[in-house]
mmCIF file of all heavy atoms, coordinates in Angstrom:
data_MODEL
# 
_entry.id   MODEL 
# 
loop_
_atom_site.group_PDB 
_atom_site.id 
_atom_site.type_symbol 
_atom_site.label_atom_id 
_atom_site.label_alt_id 
_atom_site.label_comp_id 
_atom_site.label_asym_id 
_atom_site.label_entity_id 
_atom_site.label_seq_id 
_atom_site.pdbx_PDB_ins_code 
_atom_site.Cartn_x 
_atom_site.Cartn_y 
_atom_site.Cartn_z 
_atom_site.occupancy 
_atom_site.B_iso_or_equiv 
_atom_site.pdbx_formal_charge 
_atom_site.auth_seq_id 
_atom_site.auth_comp_id 
_atom_site.auth_asym_id 
_atom_site.auth_atom_id 
_atom_site.pdbx_PDB_model_num 
ATOM 1   N N   . GLN A 1 1  ? 107.621 96.013  112.582 1.00 0.00 ? 1  GLN A N   1 
ATOM 2   C CA  . GLN A 1 1  ? 106.285 95.531  112.907 1.00 0.00 ? 1  GLN A CA  1 
ATOM 3   C C   . GLN A 1 1  ? 106.005 95.556  114.417 1.00 0.00 ? 1  GLN A C   1 
ATOM 4   O O   . GLN A 1 1  ? 104.900 95.910  114.842 1.00 0.00 ? 1  GLN A O   1 
ATOM 5   C CB  . GLN A 1 1  ? 106.088 94.111  112.361 1.00 0.00 ? 1  GLN A CB  1 
ATOM 6   C CG  . GLN A 1 1  ? 104.628 93.743  112.195 1.00 0.00 ? 1  GLN A CG  1 
ATOM 7   C CD  . GLN A 1 1  ? 104.426 92.610  111.209 1.00 0.00 ? 1  GLN A CD  1 
ATOM 8   O OE1 . GLN A 1 1  ? 105.373 92.117  110.606 1.00 0.00 ? 1  GLN A OE1 1 
ATOM 9   N NE2 . GLN A 1 1  ? 103.193 92.186  111.045 1.00 0.00 ? 1  GLN A NE2 1 
ATOM 10  N N   . LYS A 1 2  ? 107.005 95.217  115.240 1.00 0.00 ? 2  LYS A N   1 
ATOM 11  C CA  . LYS A 1 2  ? 106.801 95.210  116.682 1.00 0.00 ? 2  LYS A CA  1 
ATOM 12  C C   . LYS A 1 2  ? 106.689 96.620  117.260 1.00 0.00 ? 2  LYS A C   1 
ATOM 13  O O   . LYS A 1 2  ? 106.247 96.779  118.408 1.00 0.00 ? 2  LYS A O   1 
ATOM 14  C CB  . LYS A 1 2  ? 107.952 94.466  117.358 1.00 0.00 ? 2  LYS A CB  1 
ATOM 15  C CG  . LYS A 1 2  ? 107.990 92.980  117.047 1.00 0.00 ? 2  LYS A CG  1 
ATOM 16  C CD  . LYS A 1 2  ? 109.149 92.309  117.776 1.00 0.00 ? 2  LYS A CD  1 
ATOM 17  C CE  . LYS A 1 2  ? 109.201 90.814  117.475 1.00 0.00 ? 2  LYS A CE  1 
ATOM 18  N NZ  . LYS A 1 2  ? 110.348 90.159  118.174 1.00 0.00 ? 2  LYS A NZ  1 
ATOM 19  N N   . HIS A 1 3  ? 107.112 97.610  116.485 1.00 0.00 ? 3  HIS A N   1 
ATOM 20  C CA  . HIS A 1 3  ? 107.131 98.982  116.988 1.00 0.00 ? 3  HIS A CA  1 
ATOM 21  C C   . HIS A 1 3  ? 106.025 99.856  116.390 1.00 0.00 ? 3  HIS A C   1 
ATOM 22  O O   . HIS A 1 3  ? 105.895 101.012 116.782 1.00 0.00 ? 3  HIS A O   1 
ATOM 23  C CB  . HIS A 1 3  ? 108.487 99.620  116.687 1.00 0.00 ? 3  HIS A CB  1 
ATOM 24  C CG  . HIS A 1 3  ? 109.651 98.827  117.213 1.00 0.00 ? 3  HIS A CG  1 
ATOM 25  N ND1 . HIS A 1 3  ? 109.966 98.780  118.543 1.00 0.00 ? 3  HIS A ND1 1 
ATOM 26  C CD2 . HIS A 1 3  ? 110.543 98.030  116.565 1.00 0.00 ? 3  HIS A CD2 1 
ATOM 27  C CE1 . HIS A 1 3  ? 111.021 98.000  118.725 1.00 0.00 ? 3  HIS A CE1 1 
ATOM 28  N NE2 . HIS A 1 3  ? 111.394 97.534  117.543 1.00 0.00 ? 3  HIS A NE2 1 
ATOM 29  N N   . LEU A 1 4  ? 105.249 99.299  115.464 1.00 0.00 ? 4  LEU A N   1 
ATOM 30  C CA  . LEU A 1 4  ? 104.216 100.102 114.810 1.00 0.00 ? 4  LEU A CA  1 
ATOM 31  C C   . LEU A 1 4  ? 103.197 100.645 115.806 1.00 0.00 ? 4  LEU A C   1 
ATOM 32  O O   . LEU A 1 4  ? 102.651 101.733 115.621 1.00 0.00 ? 4  LEU A O   1 
ATOM 33  C CB  . LEU A 1 4  ? 103.509 99.278  113.734 1.00 0.00 ? 4  LEU A CB  1 
ATOM 34  C CG  . LEU A 1 4  ? 104.358 98.830  112.535 1.00 0.00 ? 4  LEU A CG  1 
ATOM 35  C CD1 . LEU A 1 4  ? 103.511 97.998  111.566 1.00 0.00 ? 4  LEU A CD1 1 
ATOM 36  C CD2 . LEU A 1 4  ? 104.959 100.030 111.799 1.00 0.00 ? 4  LEU A CD2 1 
ATOM 37  N N   . GLN A 1 5  ? 102.951 99.888  116.873 1.00 0.00 ? 5  GLN A N   1 
ATOM 38  C CA  . GLN A 1 5  ? 101.977 100.333 117.883 1.00 0.00 ? 5  GLN A CA  1 
ATOM 39  C C   . GLN A 1 5  ? 102.407 101.622 118.580 1.00 0.00 ? 5  GLN A C   1 
ATOM 40  O O   . GLN A 1 5  ? 101.587 102.302 119.213 1.00 0.00 ? 5  GLN A O   1 
ATOM 41  C CB  . GLN A 1 5  ? 101.791 99.234  118.925 1.00 0.00 ? 5  GLN A CB  1 
ATOM 42  C CG  . GLN A 1 5  ? 103.063 98.891  119.685 1.00 0.00 ? 5  GLN A CG  1 
ATOM 43  C CD  . GLN A 1 5  ? 102.872 97.733  120.646 1.00 0.00 ? 5  GLN A CD  1 
ATOM 44  O OE1 . GLN A 1 5  ? 101.743 97.373  120.977 1.00 0.00 ? 5  GLN A OE1 1 
ATOM 45  N NE2 . GLN A 1 5  ? 103.967 97.151  121.111 1.00 0.00 ? 5  GLN A NE2 1 
ATOM 46  N N   . ASN A 1 6  ? 103.702 101.949 118.478 1.00 0.00 ? 6  ASN A N   1 
ATOM 47  C CA  . ASN A 1 6  ? 104.208 103.158 119.124 1.00 0.00 ? 6  ASN A CA  1 
ATOM 48  C C   . ASN A 1 6  ? 104.118 104.396 118.231 1.00 0.00 ? 6  ASN A C   1 
ATOM 49  O O   . ASN A 1 6  ? 104.481 105.492 118.663 1.00 0.00 ? 6  ASN A O   1 
ATOM 50  C CB  . ASN A 1 6  ? 105.661 102.939 119.551 1.00 0.00 ? 6  ASN A CB  1 
ATOM 51  C CG  . ASN A 1 6  ? 105.806 101.828 120.566 1.00 0.00 ? 6  ASN A CG  1 
ATOM 52  O OD1 . ASN A 1 6  ? 104.984 101.690 121.463 1.00 0.00 ? 6  ASN A OD1 1 
ATOM 53  N ND2 . ASN A 1 6  ? 106.849 101.025 120.419 1.00 0.00 ? 6  ASN A ND2 1 
ATOM 54  N N   . LEU A 1 7  ? 103.653 104.226 117.009 1.00 0.00 ? 7  LEU A N   1 
ATOM 55  C CA  . LEU A 1 7  ? 103.471 105.372 116.117 1.00 0.00 ? 7  LEU A CA  1 
ATOM 56  C C   . LEU A 1 7  ? 102.200 106.113 116.524 1.00 0.00 ? 7  LEU A C   1 
ATOM 57  O O   . LEU A 1 7  ? 101.101 105.584 116.426 1.00 0.00 ? 7  LEU A O   1 
ATOM 58  C CB  . LEU A 1 7  ? 103.371 104.911 114.661 1.00 0.00 ? 7  LEU A CB  1 
ATOM 59  C CG  . LEU A 1 7  ? 104.672 104.454 113.997 1.00 0.00 ? 7  LEU A CG  1 
ATOM 60  C CD1 . LEU A 1 7  ? 104.371 103.810 112.639 1.00 0.00 ? 7  LEU A CD1 1 
ATOM 61  C CD2 . LEU A 1 7  ? 105.639 105.615 113.814 1.00 0.00 ? 7  LEU A CD2 1 
ATOM 62  N N   . GLN A 1 8  ? 102.366 107.350 116.958 1.00 0.00 ? 8  GLN A N   1 
ATOM 63  C CA  . GLN A 1 8  ? 101.234 108.119 117.444 1.00 0.00 ? 8  GLN A CA  1 
ATOM 64  C C   . GLN A 1 8  ? 100.570 109.016 116.400 1.00 0.00 ? 8  GLN A C   1 
ATOM 65  O O   . GLN A 1 8  ? 99.361  109.249 116.478 1.00 0.00 ? 8  GLN A O   1 
ATOM 66  C CB  . GLN A 1 8  ? 101.668 108.954 118.654 1.00 0.00 ? 8  GLN A CB  1 
ATOM 67  C CG  . GLN A 1 8  ? 102.046 108.104 119.855 1.00 0.00 ? 8  GLN A CG  1 
ATOM 68  C CD  . GLN A 1 8  ? 100.962 107.111 120.248 1.00 0.00 ? 8  GLN A CD  1 
ATOM 69  O OE1 . GLN A 1 8  ? 99.797  107.470 120.399 1.00 0.00 ? 8  GLN A OE1 1 
ATOM 70  N NE2 . GLN A 1 8  ? 101.335 105.852 120.397 1.00 0.00 ? 8  GLN A NE2 1 
ATOM 71  N N   . PRO A 1 9  ? 101.294 109.569 115.432 1.00 0.00 ? 9  PRO A N   1 
ATOM 72  C CA  . PRO A 1 9  ? 100.631 110.473 114.481 1.00 0.00 ? 9  PRO A CA  1 
ATOM 73  C C   . PRO A 1 9  ? 99.582  109.735 113.645 1.00 0.00 ? 9  PRO A C   1 
ATOM 74  O O   . PRO A 1 9  ? 99.751  108.553 113.315 1.00 0.00 ? 9  PRO A O   1 
ATOM 75  C CB  . PRO A 1 9  ? 101.787 110.958 113.588 1.00 0.00 ? 9  PRO A CB  1 
ATOM 76  C CG  . PRO A 1 9  ? 103.022 110.714 114.370 1.00 0.00 ? 9  PRO A CG  1 
ATOM 77  C CD  . PRO A 1 9  ? 102.746 109.498 115.185 1.00 0.00 ? 9  PRO A CD  1 
ATOM 78  N N   . PRO A 1 10 ? 98.489  110.401 113.302 1.00 0.00 ? 10 PRO A N   1 
ATOM 79  C CA  . PRO A 1 10 ? 97.548  109.825 112.340 1.00 0.00 ? 10 PRO A CA  1 
ATOM 80  C C   . PRO A 1 10 ? 98.307  109.447 111.067 1.00 0.00 ? 10 PRO A C   1 
ATOM 81  O O   . PRO A 1 10 ? 99.158  110.203 110.591 1.00 0.00 ? 10 PRO A O   1 
ATOM 82  C CB  . PRO A 1 10 ? 96.551  110.959 112.095 1.00 0.00 ? 10 PRO A CB  1 
ATOM 83  C CG  . PRO A 1 10 ? 96.649  111.818 113.320 1.00 0.00 ? 10 PRO A CG  1 
ATOM 84  C CD  . PRO A 1 10 ? 98.078  111.737 113.763 1.00 0.00 ? 10 PRO A CD  1 
ATOM 85  N N   . THR A 1 11 ? 97.988  108.273 110.535 1.00 0.00 ? 11 THR A N   1 
ATOM 86  C CA  . THR A 1 11 ? 98.763  107.731 109.412 1.00 0.00 ? 11 THR A CA  1 
ATOM 87  C C   . THR A 1 11 ? 97.844  107.331 108.270 1.00 0.00 ? 11 THR A C   1 
ATOM 88  O O   . THR A 1 11 ? 96.860  106.620 108.470 1.00 0.00 ? 11 THR A O   1 
ATOM 89  C CB  . THR A 1 11 ? 99.582  106.510 109.860 1.00 0.00 ? 11 THR A CB  1 
ATOM 90  O OG1 . THR A 1 11 ? 100.453 106.889 110.929 1.00 0.00 ? 11 THR A OG1 1 
ATOM 91  C CG2 . THR A 1 11 ? 100.407 105.958 108.715 1.00 0.00 ? 11 THR A CG2 1 
ATOM 92  N N   . LEU A 1 12 ? 98.195  107.793 107.080 1.00 0.00 ? 12 LEU A N   1 
ATOM 93  C CA  . LEU A 1 12 ? 97.490  107.427 105.856 1.00 0.00 ? 12 LEU A CA  1 
ATOM 94  C C   . LEU A 1 12 ? 98.359  106.446 105.080 1.00 0.00 ? 12 LEU A C   1 
ATOM 95  O O   . LEU A 1 12 ? 99.515  106.742 104.769 1.00 0.00 ? 12 LEU A O   1 
ATOM 96  C CB  . LEU A 1 12 ? 97.204  108.670 105.008 1.00 0.00 ? 12 LEU A CB  1 
ATOM 97  C CG  . LEU A 1 12 ? 96.599  108.446 103.622 1.00 0.00 ? 12 LEU A CG  1 
ATOM 98  C CD1 . LEU A 1 12 ? 95.208  107.809 103.727 1.00 0.00 ? 12 LEU A CD1 1 
ATOM 99  C CD2 . LEU A 1 12 ? 96.528  109.758 102.845 1.00 0.00 ? 12 LEU A CD2 1 
ATOM 100 N N   . ILE A 1 13 ? 97.811  105.278 104.792 1.00 0.00 ? 13 ILE A N   1 
ATOM 101 C CA  . ILE A 1 13 ? 98.524  104.254 104.031 1.00 0.00 ? 13 ILE A CA  1 
ATOM 102 C C   . ILE A 1 13 ? 97.926  104.208 102.631 1.00 0.00 ? 13 ILE A C   1 
ATOM 103 O O   . ILE A 1 13 ? 96.745  103.879 102.458 1.00 0.00 ? 13 ILE A O   1 
ATOM 104 C CB  . ILE A 1 13 ? 98.387  102.871 104.705 1.00 0.00 ? 13 ILE A CB  1 
ATOM 105 C CG1 . ILE A 1 13 ? 98.873  102.937 106.167 1.00 0.00 ? 13 ILE A CG1 1 
ATOM 106 C CG2 . ILE A 1 13 ? 99.155  101.803 103.924 1.00 0.00 ? 13 ILE A CG2 1 
ATOM 107 C CD1 . ILE A 1 13 ? 98.334  101.806 107.020 1.00 0.00 ? 13 ILE A CD1 1 
ATOM 108 N N   . LEU A 1 14 ? 98.728  104.574 101.643 1.00 0.00 ? 14 LEU A N   1 
ATOM 109 C CA  . LEU A 1 14 ? 98.297  104.524 100.251 1.00 0.00 ? 14 LEU A CA  1 
ATOM 110 C C   . LEU A 1 14 ? 99.054  103.399 99.572  1.00 0.00 ? 14 LEU A C   1 
ATOM 111 O O   . LEU A 1 14 ? 100.281 103.335 99.664  1.00 0.00 ? 14 LEU A O   1 
ATOM 112 C CB  . LEU A 1 14 ? 98.580  105.867 99.554  1.00 0.00 ? 14 LEU A CB  1 
ATOM 113 C CG  . LEU A 1 14 ? 97.890  107.099 100.144 1.00 0.00 ? 14 LEU A CG  1 
ATOM 114 C CD1 . LEU A 1 14 ? 98.321  108.362 99.396  1.00 0.00 ? 14 LEU A CD1 1 
ATOM 115 C CD2 . LEU A 1 14 ? 96.374  106.945 100.097 1.00 0.00 ? 14 LEU A CD2 1 
ATOM 116 N N   . TRP A 1 15 ? 98.319  102.528 98.855  1.00 0.00 ? 15 TRP A N   1 
ATOM 117 C CA  . TRP A 1 15 ? 98.966  101.324 98.323  1.00 0.00 ? 15 TRP A CA  1 
ATOM 118 C C   . TRP A 1 15 ? 98.411  100.992 96.933  1.00 0.00 ? 15 TRP A C   1 
ATOM 119 O O   . TRP A 1 15 ? 97.196  100.953 96.733  1.00 0.00 ? 15 TRP A O   1 
ATOM 120 C CB  . TRP A 1 15 ? 98.705  100.146 99.249  1.00 0.00 ? 15 TRP A CB  1 
ATOM 121 C CG  . TRP A 1 15 ? 99.815  99.128  99.266  1.00 0.00 ? 15 TRP A CG  1 
ATOM 122 C CD1 . TRP A 1 15 ? 100.012 98.111  98.386  1.00 0.00 ? 15 TRP A CD1 1 
ATOM 123 C CD2 . TRP A 1 15 ? 100.877 99.040  100.226 1.00 0.00 ? 15 TRP A CD2 1 
ATOM 124 N NE1 . TRP A 1 15 ? 101.129 97.389  98.730  1.00 0.00 ? 15 TRP A NE1 1 
ATOM 125 C CE2 . TRP A 1 15 ? 101.686 97.942  99.862  1.00 0.00 ? 15 TRP A CE2 1 
ATOM 126 C CE3 . TRP A 1 15 ? 101.230 99.781  101.350 1.00 0.00 ? 15 TRP A CE3 1 
ATOM 127 C CZ2 . TRP A 1 15 ? 102.818 97.560  100.583 1.00 0.00 ? 15 TRP A CZ2 1 
ATOM 128 C CZ3 . TRP A 1 15 ? 102.351 99.409  102.073 1.00 0.00 ? 15 TRP A CZ3 1 
ATOM 129 C CH2 . TRP A 1 15 ? 103.131 98.316  101.688 1.00 0.00 ? 15 TRP A CH2 1 
ATOM 130 N N   . GLY A 1 16 ? 99.325  100.767 95.990  1.00 0.00 ? 16 GLY A N   1 
ATOM 131 C CA  . GLY A 1 16 ? 98.919  100.332 94.669  1.00 0.00 ? 16 GLY A CA  1 
ATOM 132 C C   . GLY A 1 16 ? 98.304  98.944  94.724  1.00 0.00 ? 16 GLY A C   1 
ATOM 133 O O   . GLY A 1 16 ? 98.895  98.028  95.304  1.00 0.00 ? 16 GLY A O   1 
ATOM 134 N N   . ASP A 1 17 ? 97.136  98.772  94.129  1.00 0.00 ? 17 ASP A N   1 
ATOM 135 C CA  . ASP A 1 17 ? 96.442  97.480  94.243  1.00 0.00 ? 17 ASP A CA  1 
ATOM 136 C C   . ASP A 1 17 ? 97.090  96.376  93.419  1.00 0.00 ? 17 ASP A C   1 
ATOM 137 O O   . ASP A 1 17 ? 96.716  95.204  93.533  1.00 0.00 ? 17 ASP A O   1 
ATOM 138 C CB  . ASP A 1 17 ? 94.965  97.626  93.863  1.00 0.00 ? 17 ASP A CB  1 
ATOM 139 C CG  . ASP A 1 17 ? 94.741  97.991  92.399  1.00 0.00 ? 17 ASP A CG  1 
ATOM 140 O OD1 . ASP A 1 17 ? 95.736  98.248  91.670  1.00 0.00 ? 17 ASP A OD1 1 
ATOM 141 O OD2 . ASP A 1 17 ? 93.571  98.031  91.969  1.00 0.00 ? 17 ASP A OD2 1 
ATOM 142 N N   . SER A 1 18 ? 98.094  96.736  92.605  1.00 0.00 ? 18 SER A N   1 
ATOM 143 C CA  . SER A 1 18 ? 98.784  95.740  91.776  1.00 0.00 ? 18 SER A CA  1 
ATOM 144 C C   . SER A 1 18 ? 100.299 95.805  91.990  1.00 0.00 ? 18 SER A C   1 
ATOM 145 O O   . SER A 1 18 ? 101.070 95.622  91.049  1.00 0.00 ? 18 SER A O   1 
ATOM 146 C CB  . SER A 1 18 ? 98.446  95.958  90.295  1.00 0.00 ? 18 SER A CB  1 
ATOM 147 O OG  . SER A 1 18 ? 97.059  95.838  90.062  1.00 0.00 ? 18 SER A OG  1 
ATOM 148 N N   . ASP A 1 19 ? 100.708 96.050  93.219  1.00 0.00 ? 19 ASP A N   1 
ATOM 149 C CA  . ASP A 1 19 ? 102.134 96.157  93.545  1.00 0.00 ? 19 ASP A CA  1 
ATOM 150 C C   . ASP A 1 19 ? 102.805 94.794  93.385  1.00 0.00 ? 19 ASP A C   1 
ATOM 151 O O   . ASP A 1 19 ? 102.511 93.851  94.114  1.00 0.00 ? 19 ASP A O   1 
ATOM 152 C CB  . ASP A 1 19 ? 102.298 96.658  94.986  1.00 0.00 ? 19 ASP A CB  1 
ATOM 153 C CG  . ASP A 1 19 ? 103.741 96.973  95.346  1.00 0.00 ? 19 ASP A CG  1 
ATOM 154 O OD1 . ASP A 1 19 ? 104.656 96.447  94.690  1.00 0.00 ? 19 ASP A OD1 1 
ATOM 155 O OD2 . ASP A 1 19 ? 103.954 97.748  96.296  1.00 0.00 ? 19 ASP A OD2 1 
ATOM 156 N N   . ARG A 1 20 ? 103.746 94.699  92.419  1.00 0.00 ? 20 ARG A N   1 
ATOM 157 C CA  . ARG A 1 20 ? 104.469 93.454  92.188  1.00 0.00 ? 20 ARG A CA  1 
ATOM 158 C C   . ARG A 1 20 ? 105.840 93.452  92.858  1.00 0.00 ? 20 ARG A C   1 
ATOM 159 O O   . ARG A 1 20 ? 106.551 92.444  92.795  1.00 0.00 ? 20 ARG A O   1 
ATOM 160 C CB  . ARG A 1 20 ? 104.644 93.227  90.678  1.00 0.00 ? 20 ARG A CB  1 
ATOM 161 C CG  . ARG A 1 20 ? 103.342 92.983  89.936  1.00 0.00 ? 20 ARG A CG  1 
ATOM 162 C CD  . ARG A 1 20 ? 103.590 92.777  88.457  1.00 0.00 ? 20 ARG A CD  1 
ATOM 163 N NE  . ARG A 1 20 ? 104.483 91.637  88.207  1.00 0.00 ? 20 ARG A NE  1 
ATOM 164 C CZ  . ARG A 1 20 ? 105.019 91.335  87.019  1.00 0.00 ? 20 ARG A CZ  1 
ATOM 165 N NH1 . ARG A 1 20 ? 104.770 92.136  85.985  1.00 0.00 ? 20 ARG A NH1 1 
ATOM 166 N NH2 . ARG A 1 20 ? 105.799 90.300  86.876  1.00 0.00 ? 20 ARG A NH2 1 
ATOM 167 N N   . ILE A 1 21 ? 106.219 94.541  93.488  1.00 0.00 ? 21 ILE A N   1 
ATOM 168 C CA  . ILE A 1 21 ? 107.491 94.608  94.183  1.00 0.00 ? 21 ILE A CA  1 
ATOM 169 C C   . ILE A 1 21 ? 107.335 94.131  95.632  1.00 0.00 ? 21 ILE A C   1 
ATOM 170 O O   . ILE A 1 21 ? 108.058 93.235  96.090  1.00 0.00 ? 21 ILE A O   1 
ATOM 171 C CB  . ILE A 1 21 ? 108.064 96.042  94.176  1.00 0.00 ? 21 ILE A CB  1 
ATOM 172 C CG1 . ILE A 1 21 ? 108.226 96.550  92.730  1.00 0.00 ? 21 ILE A CG1 1 
ATOM 173 C CG2 . ILE A 1 21 ? 109.392 96.087  94.914  1.00 0.00 ? 21 ILE A CG2 1 
ATOM 174 C CD1 . ILE A 1 21 ? 109.226 95.783  91.898  1.00 0.00 ? 21 ILE A CD1 1 
ATOM 175 N N   . LEU A 1 22 ? 106.388 94.698  96.368  1.00 0.00 ? 22 LEU A N   1 
ATOM 176 C CA  . LEU A 1 22 ? 106.148 94.312  97.755  1.00 0.00 ? 22 LEU A CA  1 
ATOM 177 C C   . LEU A 1 22 ? 104.912 93.445  97.932  1.00 0.00 ? 22 LEU A C   1 
ATOM 178 O O   . LEU A 1 22 ? 104.712 92.879  99.015  1.00 0.00 ? 22 LEU A O   1 
ATOM 179 C CB  . LEU A 1 22 ? 105.999 95.562  98.632  1.00 0.00 ? 22 LEU A CB  1 
ATOM 180 C CG  . LEU A 1 22 ? 107.240 96.439  98.809  1.00 0.00 ? 22 LEU A CG  1 
ATOM 181 C CD1 . LEU A 1 22 ? 106.903 97.632  99.692  1.00 0.00 ? 22 LEU A CD1 1 
ATOM 182 C CD2 . LEU A 1 22 ? 108.405 95.663  99.387  1.00 0.00 ? 22 LEU A CD2 1 
ATOM 183 N N   . GLY A 1 23 ? 104.076 93.334  96.906  1.00 0.00 ? 23 GLY A N   1 
ATOM 184 C CA  . GLY A 1 23 ? 102.798 92.672  97.079  1.00 0.00 ? 23 GLY A CA  1 
ATOM 185 C C   . GLY A 1 23 ? 101.820 93.582  97.791  1.00 0.00 ? 23 GLY A C   1 
ATOM 186 O O   . GLY A 1 23 ? 102.040 94.793  97.905  1.00 0.00 ? 23 GLY A O   1 
ATOM 187 N N   . THR A 1 24 ? 100.751 93.019  98.312  1.00 0.00 ? 24 THR A N   1 
ATOM 188 C CA  . THR A 1 24 ? 99.713  93.841  98.940  1.00 0.00 ? 24 THR A CA  1 
ATOM 189 C C   . THR A 1 24 ? 99.460  93.494  100.411 1.00 0.00 ? 24 THR A C   1 
ATOM 190 O O   . THR A 1 24 ? 98.783  94.255  101.105 1.00 0.00 ? 24 THR A O   1 
ATOM 191 C CB  . THR A 1 24 ? 98.381  93.698  98.175  1.00 0.00 ? 24 THR A CB  1 
ATOM 192 O OG1 . THR A 1 24 ? 98.024  92.311  98.097  1.00 0.00 ? 24 THR A OG1 1 
ATOM 193 C CG2 . THR A 1 24 ? 98.514  94.245  96.752  1.00 0.00 ? 24 THR A CG2 1 
ATOM 194 N N   . GLN A 1 25 ? 100.003 92.379  100.892 1.00 0.00 ? 25 GLN A N   1 
ATOM 195 C CA  . GLN A 1 25 ? 99.694  91.958  102.262 1.00 0.00 ? 25 GLN A CA  1 
ATOM 196 C C   . GLN A 1 25 ? 100.261 92.913  103.314 1.00 0.00 ? 25 GLN A C   1 
ATOM 197 O O   . GLN A 1 25 ? 99.676  93.090  104.380 1.00 0.00 ? 25 GLN A O   1 
ATOM 198 C CB  . GLN A 1 25 ? 100.232 90.540  102.501 1.00 0.00 ? 25 GLN A CB  1 
ATOM 199 C CG  . GLN A 1 25 ? 99.487  89.469  101.733 1.00 0.00 ? 25 GLN A CG  1 
ATOM 200 C CD  . GLN A 1 25 ? 97.993  89.504  102.030 1.00 0.00 ? 25 GLN A CD  1 
ATOM 201 O OE1 . GLN A 1 25 ? 97.565  89.453  103.187 1.00 0.00 ? 25 GLN A OE1 1 
ATOM 202 N NE2 . GLN A 1 25 ? 97.190  89.598  100.977 1.00 0.00 ? 25 GLN A NE2 1 
ATOM 203 N N   . ASP A 1 26 ? 101.405 93.536  103.012 1.00 0.00 ? 26 ASP A N   1 
ATOM 204 C CA  . ASP A 1 26 ? 101.995 94.443  103.991 1.00 0.00 ? 26 ASP A CA  1 
ATOM 205 C C   . ASP A 1 26 ? 101.113 95.658  104.263 1.00 0.00 ? 26 ASP A C   1 
ATOM 206 O O   . ASP A 1 26 ? 101.177 96.245  105.347 1.00 0.00 ? 26 ASP A O   1 
ATOM 207 C CB  . ASP A 1 26 ? 103.377 94.911  103.519 1.00 0.00 ? 26 ASP A CB  1 
ATOM 208 C CG  . ASP A 1 26 ? 104.440 93.838  103.689 1.00 0.00 ? 26 ASP A CG  1 
ATOM 209 O OD1 . ASP A 1 26 ? 104.097 92.739  104.181 1.00 0.00 ? 26 ASP A OD1 1 
ATOM 210 O OD2 . ASP A 1 26 ? 105.602 94.082  103.318 1.00 0.00 ? 26 ASP A OD2 1 
ATOM 211 N N   . ALA A 1 27 ? 100.295 96.031  103.299 1.00 0.00 ? 27 ALA A N   1 
ATOM 212 C CA  . ALA A 1 27 ? 99.380  97.158  103.510 1.00 0.00 ? 27 ALA A CA  1 
ATOM 213 C C   . ALA A 1 27 ? 98.445  96.864  104.682 1.00 0.00 ? 27 ALA A C   1 
ATOM 214 O O   . ALA A 1 27 ? 98.209  97.733  105.540 1.00 0.00 ? 27 ALA A O   1 
ATOM 215 C CB  . ALA A 1 27 ? 98.574  97.432  102.244 1.00 0.00 ? 27 ALA A CB  1 
ATOM 216 N N   . TYR A 1 28 ? 97.926  95.642  104.731 1.00 0.00 ? 28 TYR A N   1 
ATOM 217 C CA  . TYR A 1 28 ? 97.045  95.261  105.836 1.00 0.00 ? 28 TYR A CA  1 
ATOM 218 C C   . TYR A 1 28 ? 97.811  95.196  107.157 1.00 0.00 ? 28 TYR A C   1 
ATOM 219 O O   . TYR A 1 28 ? 97.277  95.557  108.214 1.00 0.00 ? 28 TYR A O   1 
ATOM 220 C CB  . TYR A 1 28 ? 96.404  93.904  105.552 1.00 0.00 ? 28 TYR A CB  1 
ATOM 221 C CG  . TYR A 1 28 ? 95.492  93.893  104.347 1.00 0.00 ? 28 TYR A CG  1 
ATOM 222 C CD1 . TYR A 1 28 ? 95.849  93.208  103.189 1.00 0.00 ? 28 TYR A CD1 1 
ATOM 223 C CD2 . TYR A 1 28 ? 94.266  94.563  104.363 1.00 0.00 ? 28 TYR A CD2 1 
ATOM 224 C CE1 . TYR A 1 28 ? 95.015  93.177  102.084 1.00 0.00 ? 28 TYR A CE1 1 
ATOM 225 C CE2 . TYR A 1 28 ? 93.421  94.546  103.261 1.00 0.00 ? 28 TYR A CE2 1 
ATOM 226 C CZ  . TYR A 1 28 ? 93.805  93.854  102.122 1.00 0.00 ? 28 TYR A CZ  1 
ATOM 227 O OH  . TYR A 1 28 ? 92.986  93.830  101.018 1.00 0.00 ? 28 TYR A OH  1 
# 
């Protein structure tokens, strides 16, 4: 999380809206 700001490539985040393994908050 502290290093995400250093990711330079354009990034697409795809997330299942009913993820029961990780939940959904990490997508945000």
